[in-house]
Protein backbone atom coordinates (compact mmCIF):
# COMPACT_ATOMS: atom_id res chain seq x y z
CA MET A 1 -9.29 213.02 87.88
CA SER A 2 -8.76 209.76 89.72
CA ILE A 3 -11.30 206.97 89.71
CA ASN A 4 -9.38 204.97 92.26
CA LEU A 5 -10.33 205.52 95.87
CA SER A 6 -7.61 206.55 98.29
CA LYS A 7 -6.61 204.32 101.19
CA GLU A 8 -8.39 206.64 103.59
CA GLN A 9 -11.62 206.53 101.58
CA LYS A 10 -11.51 202.72 101.40
CA LEU A 11 -10.82 202.47 105.13
CA GLU A 12 -13.67 204.85 105.91
CA LEU A 13 -16.15 202.87 103.76
CA ALA A 14 -14.94 199.57 105.23
CA GLU A 15 -15.46 200.87 108.78
CA LYS A 16 -18.92 202.20 107.96
CA PHE A 17 -20.32 199.25 105.98
CA GLY A 18 -18.10 196.28 106.87
CA ALA A 19 -17.64 194.11 109.92
CA ASN A 20 -14.37 195.92 110.74
CA ALA A 21 -11.88 198.37 109.20
CA LYS A 22 -10.03 195.61 107.33
CA ASP A 23 -13.20 194.12 105.81
CA THR A 24 -12.99 195.25 102.19
CA GLY A 25 -14.28 192.03 100.65
CA SER A 26 -17.83 191.89 101.93
CA ALA A 27 -20.59 192.65 99.44
CA GLU A 28 -21.75 195.69 101.40
CA VAL A 29 -18.32 197.34 101.32
CA GLN A 30 -17.79 196.51 97.64
CA ILE A 31 -21.19 198.03 96.78
CA ALA A 32 -20.37 201.17 98.78
CA MET A 33 -17.00 201.55 97.01
CA LEU A 34 -18.55 201.02 93.59
CA THR A 35 -21.26 203.57 94.39
CA LYS A 36 -18.62 206.15 95.30
CA LYS A 37 -16.67 205.49 92.09
CA ILE A 38 -19.86 205.56 90.00
CA SER A 39 -20.89 208.95 91.38
CA GLU A 40 -17.42 210.39 90.64
CA LEU A 41 -17.42 209.02 87.11
CA THR A 42 -20.95 210.29 86.50
CA GLU A 43 -19.74 213.81 87.30
CA HIS A 44 -16.78 213.32 84.93
CA MET A 45 -19.09 212.12 82.15
CA LYS A 46 -21.27 215.24 82.45
CA SER A 47 -18.40 217.43 81.27
CA ASN A 48 -16.71 214.85 79.00
CA LYS A 49 -19.55 213.46 76.93
CA LYS A 50 -17.28 211.89 74.30
CA ASP A 51 -15.09 209.92 76.72
CA PHE A 52 -16.30 206.52 75.57
CA ALA A 53 -13.63 204.50 77.38
CA THR A 54 -14.75 205.96 80.69
CA LYS A 55 -18.37 205.39 79.74
CA ARG A 56 -17.65 201.71 79.14
CA GLY A 57 -15.90 201.41 82.51
CA LEU A 58 -18.80 203.19 84.19
CA LEU A 59 -21.33 200.82 82.64
CA MET A 60 -19.25 197.81 83.72
CA MET A 61 -19.13 199.15 87.30
CA VAL A 62 -22.90 199.67 87.30
CA GLY A 63 -23.34 196.07 86.12
CA LYS A 64 -21.02 194.72 88.80
CA ARG A 65 -22.82 196.71 91.49
CA LYS A 66 -26.15 195.39 90.22
CA ARG A 67 -24.89 191.79 90.48
CA LEU A 68 -23.54 192.39 94.00
CA LEU A 69 -26.87 193.97 95.05
CA SER A 70 -28.74 190.97 93.67
CA PHE A 71 -26.44 188.63 95.63
CA LEU A 72 -26.94 190.64 98.81
CA LYS A 73 -30.72 190.74 98.30
CA ASP A 74 -30.82 186.92 98.12
CA ARG A 75 -28.59 186.46 101.18
CA ASN A 76 -29.65 189.28 103.50
CA LEU A 77 -32.81 191.15 102.55
CA GLU A 78 -32.83 193.44 105.58
CA GLY A 79 -29.16 194.35 105.10
CA TYR A 80 -29.89 195.01 101.41
CA ARG A 81 -32.75 197.37 102.25
CA SER A 82 -30.74 199.33 104.81
CA LEU A 83 -27.75 199.57 102.44
CA ILE A 84 -29.70 200.97 99.47
CA LYS A 85 -31.44 203.43 101.79
CA GLU A 86 -28.13 204.60 103.28
CA LEU A 87 -26.37 204.89 99.90
CA GLY A 88 -29.38 206.53 98.26
CA ILE A 89 -29.59 204.17 95.29
CA ARG A 90 -32.60 202.59 93.61
CA GLY A 91 -34.75 205.70 93.91
């Protein structure tokens, strides 16, 4: 089980959410990457309930994504709304 995204996955997310394929630093791309990692770790945690180290990492990723979403919401409300709709987060 790998929590790191492959080069191809990162490139695909950067193309979809960033300004270009090399744009991995923008908030939108970072949020998309964290969302992908979070969903993978959530699946891992369902079958490994006592993996507390992973749980801690998962909670830290959720916190980082929350901070990035807050930043994006302040800077670009319309982009924030389209991103959460596309990623299917925030119910």
